[in-house]
Amino acid sequence: MATNVEKDPVTGQYTTGHEWDGIKELNTPLPKWWVYVFYACTLWAIYEWVVMPAWPTADGYTKGIEGYSTRGELAKELAAVKESRKGWITRFEAASVEQIAADPELRKYAIAGGRAMFAENCAPCHGSGGAGAYGYPTLADDEWIWGGSLADVHQTIAYGVRNTNPQSRQGIMLRFGVDGLLTPDQIGQAADYVVALSKGEKGDAAGTELYAQQCAACHGESGEGMAALGAPALNNGIWLYKGGKEDLVKQITNPKHGDMPAWAERLDAATVKQLAVYVHSLGGGK
């Protein structure tokens, strides 16, 4: 403890008794305004600790007298937005996708809302604007694996493909190679035929016969596809997993099957309908 406290002759302030190399430390009091601000901040901090959430506990945190939380405020804001949209949502819920598309006002709203929902939920797989990607169908070319009517598109979005929802699309392709349904030579012949078919050319007799026996029942006699089974068209050069002979041999031998979630389990009915109208508009629909 410093004992050599003295009064500084220059400033008139008492020193603290500390001195370094002849320099003495003055015991200058804090400005009163600073002290008052410090007291005010201390009182405000105590108020915040009592009124607002502040301290962590073993199983959560102190809620405060007001019980405020940012999550609660967000819920209130979302509820307010939902209430403001209630009239529109009621109209969407009461109308079919065909009625929505036929109503200029509802269609305009559906396209705007569907575009926003598509960017948030669908674009990561199907690409911006429905451009598609390897293993994910293009939605902007009016070629539809499961059908392109408004009802078909709505069904696919609402219940998805090859998931656990009982209403989802469930079509699969036989494993012609893995299960020994065709020999490797036959698979090669079938692949050659499909390549020719996609180019509008006529395949050889062996490939033609194999296709008629093994493939036409699902993909159609001319490769036009069958939406009811989810069997894609093979005569248009549009491929989900590429269309070279090597790729086709792999697909025929042990086919890949994509899946899609049932969006009706994640989004409300009005949003699913908006998505259906928007997606249908990307390729023109059927």
Protein backbone atom coordinates (compact mmCIF):
# COMPACT_ATOMS: atom_id res chain seq x y z
CA MET A 1 0.00 0.00 0.00
CA ALA A 2 1.39 3.41 -0.98
CA THR A 3 2.04 5.68 2.04
CA ASN A 4 3.80 8.64 0.48
CA VAL A 5 0.61 10.41 -0.62
CA GLU A 6 1.10 14.12 -1.12
CA LYS A 7 -0.51 17.10 -2.79
CA ASP A 8 0.80 17.93 -6.24
CA PRO A 9 1.89 21.60 -6.23
CA VAL A 10 1.11 22.08 -9.94
CA THR A 11 -2.40 20.63 -10.26
CA GLY A 12 -3.50 20.77 -6.65
CA GLN A 13 -4.55 17.07 -6.85
CA TYR A 14 -3.38 14.49 -4.35
CA THR A 15 -1.15 11.71 -5.65
CA THR A 16 -1.77 7.99 -5.25
CA GLY A 17 1.65 7.50 -3.74
CA HIS A 18 2.91 5.67 -6.82
CA GLU A 19 5.98 7.01 -8.55
CA TRP A 20 8.02 5.75 -11.51
CA ASP A 21 11.22 7.39 -12.58
CA GLY A 22 10.19 10.64 -10.91
CA ILE A 23 6.72 10.62 -12.47
CA LYS A 24 3.99 10.70 -9.82
CA GLU A 25 0.48 9.33 -10.41
CA LEU A 26 -2.31 11.77 -9.61
CA ASN A 27 -5.43 10.53 -7.87
CA THR A 28 -7.75 12.43 -10.21
CA PRO A 29 -11.43 11.59 -9.68
CA LEU A 30 -13.54 10.46 -12.63
CA PRO A 31 -15.72 13.09 -14.26
CA LYS A 32 -19.15 13.18 -12.67
CA TRP A 33 -20.91 12.67 -16.02
CA TRP A 34 -18.91 9.47 -16.55
CA VAL A 35 -19.78 8.21 -13.06
CA TYR A 36 -23.47 8.92 -13.64
CA VAL A 37 -23.43 7.14 -16.99
CA PHE A 38 -21.70 4.16 -15.36
CA TYR A 39 -24.36 3.99 -12.63
CA ALA A 40 -27.13 4.27 -15.25
CA CYS A 41 -25.60 1.47 -17.33
CA THR A 42 -25.30 -0.71 -14.24
CA LEU A 43 -28.94 -0.16 -13.36
CA TRP A 44 -29.95 -0.84 -16.98
CA ALA A 45 -27.97 -4.09 -16.98
CA ILE A 46 -29.74 -5.20 -13.79
CA TYR A 47 -33.07 -4.32 -15.38
CA GLU A 48 -32.21 -6.37 -18.49
CA TRP A 49 -31.16 -9.37 -16.35
CA VAL A 50 -34.52 -9.31 -14.57
CA VAL A 51 -36.87 -8.44 -17.43
CA MET A 52 -35.26 -10.11 -20.46
CA PRO A 53 -33.72 -13.57 -21.07
CA ALA A 54 -30.20 -13.35 -19.73
CA TRP A 55 -28.53 -16.22 -17.89
CA PRO A 56 -27.97 -19.81 -19.05
CA THR A 57 -29.21 -22.57 -16.77
CA ALA A 58 -28.75 -26.34 -16.66
CA ASP A 59 -31.88 -26.94 -18.74
CA GLY A 60 -32.24 -23.71 -20.72
CA TYR A 61 -32.03 -20.07 -19.70
CA THR A 62 -33.77 -17.49 -17.51
CA LYS A 63 -36.88 -16.33 -19.38
CA GLY A 64 -37.17 -12.92 -17.76
CA ILE A 65 -40.36 -11.19 -16.61
CA GLU A 66 -41.46 -10.39 -20.18
CA GLY A 67 -40.67 -13.86 -21.54
CA TYR A 68 -39.28 -12.32 -24.73
CA SER A 69 -37.54 -14.45 -27.36
CA THR A 70 -36.56 -13.81 -30.98
CA ARG A 71 -38.12 -17.15 -31.91
CA GLY A 72 -41.40 -16.02 -30.37
CA GLU A 73 -41.25 -12.72 -32.23
CA LEU A 74 -40.61 -14.55 -35.49
CA ALA A 75 -43.61 -16.78 -34.82
CA LYS A 76 -45.76 -13.68 -34.29
CA GLU A 77 -44.51 -12.12 -37.52
CA LEU A 78 -45.15 -15.32 -39.47
CA ALA A 79 -48.61 -15.56 -37.97
CA ALA A 80 -49.31 -11.97 -39.03
CA VAL A 81 -48.14 -12.72 -42.57
CA LYS A 82 -50.26 -15.87 -42.67
CA GLU A 83 -53.28 -13.92 -41.48
CA SER A 84 -52.73 -11.30 -44.18
CA ARG A 85 -52.62 -14.07 -46.79
CA LYS A 86 -55.59 -15.94 -45.37
CA GLY A 87 -57.97 -14.80 -48.08
CA TRP A 88 -55.66 -15.95 -50.84
CA ILE A 89 -54.84 -19.24 -49.13
CA THR A 90 -58.53 -20.01 -48.70
CA ARG A 91 -59.11 -19.44 -52.41
CA PHE A 92 -56.18 -21.70 -53.35
CA GLU A 93 -57.31 -24.44 -51.01
CA ALA A 94 -60.84 -24.36 -52.42
CA ALA A 95 -59.75 -24.44 -56.08
CA SER A 96 -58.25 -27.24 -58.16
CA VAL A 97 -54.98 -26.68 -59.99
CA GLU A 98 -56.94 -26.47 -63.26
CA GLN A 99 -59.19 -23.76 -61.82
CA ILE A 100 -56.19 -21.86 -60.51
CA ALA A 101 -54.50 -21.95 -63.91
CA ALA A 102 -57.69 -20.76 -65.61
CA ASP A 103 -58.17 -17.81 -63.26
CA PRO A 104 -55.85 -14.94 -64.36
CA GLU A 105 -55.65 -13.47 -60.86
CA LEU A 106 -54.96 -16.77 -59.09
CA ARG A 107 -52.55 -17.89 -61.81
CA LYS A 108 -50.51 -14.70 -61.49
CA TYR A 109 -50.29 -15.18 -57.73
CA ALA A 110 -49.47 -18.89 -58.15
CA ILE A 111 -46.65 -18.23 -60.62
CA ALA A 112 -45.07 -15.65 -58.29
CA GLY A 113 -45.43 -17.80 -55.19
CA GLY A 114 -44.44 -20.98 -57.00
CA ARG A 115 -41.29 -19.37 -58.38
CA ALA A 116 -40.18 -18.39 -54.87
CA MET A 117 -40.98 -21.84 -53.45
CA PHE A 118 -39.26 -23.55 -56.38
CA ALA A 119 -36.04 -21.60 -55.79
CA GLU A 120 -36.12 -22.57 -52.12
CA ASN A 121 -37.16 -26.22 -52.35
CA CYS A 122 -36.71 -27.57 -55.89
CA ALA A 123 -33.85 -25.73 -57.59
CA PRO A 124 -31.10 -27.52 -55.59
CA CYS A 125 -31.98 -30.71 -57.51
CA HIS A 126 -33.78 -29.59 -60.66
CA GLY A 127 -31.67 -26.50 -61.30
CA SER A 128 -32.57 -22.86 -61.68
CA GLY A 129 -35.62 -22.52 -63.88
CA GLY A 130 -35.99 -26.30 -64.01
CA ALA A 131 -32.87 -26.81 -66.16
CA GLY A 132 -32.30 -30.26 -64.67
CA ALA A 133 -29.07 -32.13 -63.93
CA TYR A 134 -27.64 -35.63 -64.12
CA GLY A 135 -30.21 -37.87 -62.47
CA TYR A 136 -32.72 -35.03 -62.05
CA PRO A 137 -35.28 -34.48 -64.82
CA THR A 138 -35.44 -31.22 -66.74
CA LEU A 139 -38.74 -29.49 -66.05
CA ALA A 140 -38.51 -26.91 -68.81
CA ASP A 141 -38.73 -29.08 -71.93
CA ASP A 142 -42.28 -30.44 -71.85
CA GLU A 143 -41.04 -34.03 -71.61
CA TRP A 144 -42.58 -35.59 -68.53
CA ILE A 145 -41.71 -38.99 -67.09
CA TRP A 146 -44.90 -39.19 -65.02
CA GLY A 147 -47.18 -37.12 -67.24
CA GLY A 148 -47.34 -33.39 -67.89
CA SER A 149 -50.94 -32.42 -67.19
CA LEU A 150 -51.60 -30.10 -64.27
CA ALA A 151 -53.09 -33.00 -62.32
CA ASP A 152 -50.07 -35.20 -63.08
CA VAL A 153 -47.57 -32.53 -62.03
CA HIS A 154 -49.54 -31.81 -58.86
CA GLN A 155 -49.66 -35.52 -58.00
CA THR A 156 -45.90 -35.90 -58.49
CA ILE A 157 -45.04 -32.84 -56.40
CA ALA A 158 -47.53 -33.61 -53.64
CA TYR A 159 -46.64 -37.28 -53.13
CA GLY A 160 -43.22 -37.64 -54.74
CA VAL A 161 -41.50 -40.61 -56.32
CA ARG A 162 -40.34 -43.88 -54.72
CA ASN A 163 -40.69 -42.75 -51.11
CA THR A 164 -42.64 -44.13 -48.16
CA ASN A 165 -45.79 -42.14 -48.85
CA PRO A 166 -48.52 -44.61 -49.91
CA GLN A 167 -49.56 -42.32 -52.79
CA SER A 168 -46.07 -41.79 -54.21
CA ARG A 169 -45.07 -42.91 -57.70
CA GLN A 170 -43.41 -46.32 -57.44
CA GLY A 171 -42.40 -47.49 -60.93
CA ILE A 172 -39.04 -49.27 -61.25
CA MET A 173 -37.08 -50.88 -64.09
CA LEU A 174 -36.12 -54.53 -64.09
CA ARG A 175 -32.46 -55.43 -63.48
CA PHE A 176 -31.96 -57.31 -66.74
CA GLY A 177 -28.29 -58.05 -66.13
CA VAL A 178 -28.06 -58.48 -62.37
CA ASP A 179 -31.05 -60.82 -62.29
CA GLY A 180 -29.93 -62.76 -65.38
CA LEU A 181 -32.93 -61.82 -67.51
CA LEU A 182 -30.62 -61.03 -70.45
CA THR A 183 -27.08 -62.06 -71.33
CA PRO A 184 -24.37 -59.43 -71.75
CA ASP A 185 -24.56 -59.86 -75.54
CA GLN A 186 -28.31 -59.33 -75.49
CA ILE A 187 -27.93 -56.26 -73.31
CA GLY A 188 -25.43 -54.85 -75.81
CA GLN A 189 -27.86 -55.51 -78.65
CA ALA A 190 -30.69 -53.83 -76.76
CA ALA A 191 -28.46 -50.82 -76.03
CA ASP A 192 -27.54 -50.54 -79.72
CA TYR A 193 -31.20 -50.61 -80.63
CA VAL A 194 -32.11 -47.88 -78.14
CA VAL A 195 -29.25 -45.67 -79.38
CA ALA A 196 -30.56 -46.08 -82.92
CA LEU A 197 -34.12 -45.43 -81.75
CA SER A 198 -33.09 -42.17 -80.08
CA LYS A 199 -31.60 -40.98 -83.38
CA GLY A 200 -34.65 -41.89 -85.41
CA GLU A 201 -32.83 -44.78 -87.06
CA LYS A 202 -33.89 -48.38 -87.56
CA GLY A 203 -32.12 -50.96 -85.41
CA ASP A 204 -31.00 -54.41 -86.49
CA ALA A 205 -33.27 -57.44 -86.40
CA ALA A 206 -31.82 -58.88 -83.15
CA GLY A 207 -32.19 -55.58 -81.28
CA THR A 208 -35.67 -55.04 -82.68
CA GLU A 209 -36.81 -58.42 -81.44
CA LEU A 210 -35.25 -57.96 -78.00
CA TYR A 211 -36.83 -54.55 -77.61
CA ALA A 212 -40.25 -55.86 -78.62
CA GLN A 213 -40.00 -58.74 -76.15
CA GLN A 214 -38.39 -57.02 -73.17
CA CYS A 215 -38.87 -53.24 -73.40
CA ALA A 216 -41.90 -52.26 -75.46
CA ALA A 217 -44.40 -53.21 -72.75
CA CYS A 218 -43.17 -50.26 -70.65
CA HIS A 219 -41.42 -47.90 -73.04
CA GLY A 220 -43.86 -48.28 -75.93
CA GLU A 221 -43.51 -49.92 -79.32
CA SER A 222 -41.86 -46.82 -80.77
CA GLY A 223 -40.06 -45.76 -77.59
CA GLU A 224 -42.67 -43.11 -76.83
CA GLY A 225 -42.63 -43.95 -73.11
CA MET A 226 -45.49 -44.64 -70.71
CA ALA A 227 -46.26 -42.04 -68.05
CA ALA A 228 -48.49 -44.37 -66.04
CA LEU A 229 -45.43 -46.52 -65.26
CA GLY A 230 -42.87 -43.75 -65.14
CA ALA A 231 -41.13 -45.29 -68.16
CA PRO A 232 -39.37 -42.45 -70.01
CA ALA A 233 -39.48 -41.99 -73.76
CA LEU A 234 -36.45 -43.45 -75.55
CA ASN A 235 -37.00 -41.92 -78.98
CA ASN A 236 -36.24 -38.28 -78.25
CA GLY A 237 -32.57 -38.21 -77.24
CA ILE A 238 -33.39 -36.90 -73.77
CA TRP A 239 -31.61 -38.88 -71.07
CA LEU A 240 -31.74 -38.84 -67.31
CA TYR A 241 -28.48 -40.83 -66.91
CA LYS A 242 -26.81 -40.13 -70.28
CA GLY A 243 -27.51 -42.00 -73.49
CA GLY A 244 -24.30 -43.47 -74.89
CA LYS A 245 -24.12 -47.22 -75.40
CA GLU A 246 -21.94 -47.74 -72.33
CA ASP A 247 -24.35 -45.74 -70.19
CA LEU A 248 -27.33 -47.65 -71.54
CA VAL A 249 -25.65 -50.99 -70.92
CA LYS A 250 -25.14 -49.99 -67.27
CA GLN A 251 -28.74 -48.86 -66.94
CA ILE A 252 -30.16 -52.02 -68.51
CA THR A 253 -27.86 -54.23 -66.43
CA ASN A 254 -28.51 -52.58 -63.06
CA PRO A 255 -30.74 -49.53 -63.40
CA LYS A 256 -30.52 -46.41 -61.25
CA HIS A 257 -33.72 -45.16 -59.67
CA GLY A 258 -34.06 -41.66 -58.37
CA ASP A 259 -36.49 -40.64 -55.66
CA MET A 260 -38.32 -37.48 -54.68
CA PRO A 261 -39.89 -36.48 -51.35
CA ALA A 262 -43.62 -36.03 -50.86
CA TRP A 263 -43.85 -32.25 -50.62
CA ALA A 264 -47.41 -32.45 -49.26
CA GLU A 265 -45.76 -33.71 -46.05
CA ARG A 266 -43.58 -30.58 -45.86
CA LEU A 267 -45.59 -27.77 -47.46
CA ASP A 268 -49.20 -26.69 -47.11
CA ALA A 269 -51.77 -27.52 -49.78
CA ALA A 270 -51.90 -23.99 -51.21
CA THR A 271 -48.12 -23.90 -51.68
CA VAL A 272 -48.08 -27.31 -53.39
CA LYS A 273 -50.72 -26.09 -55.84
CA GLN A 274 -48.71 -22.94 -56.56
CA LEU A 275 -45.66 -25.09 -57.25
CA ALA A 276 -47.65 -27.32 -59.58
CA VAL A 277 -48.91 -24.36 -61.62
CA TYR A 278 -45.42 -22.86 -61.79
CA VAL A 279 -43.66 -26.10 -62.78
CA HIS A 280 -46.35 -26.82 -65.35
CA SER A 281 -45.72 -23.39 -66.89
CA LEU A 282 -41.97 -23.98 -67.28
CA GLY A 283 -42.35 -26.46 -70.12
CA GLY A 284 -45.77 -25.52 -71.32
CA GLY A 285 -47.39 -28.63 -69.88
CA LYS A 286 -49.59 -31.10 -71.67
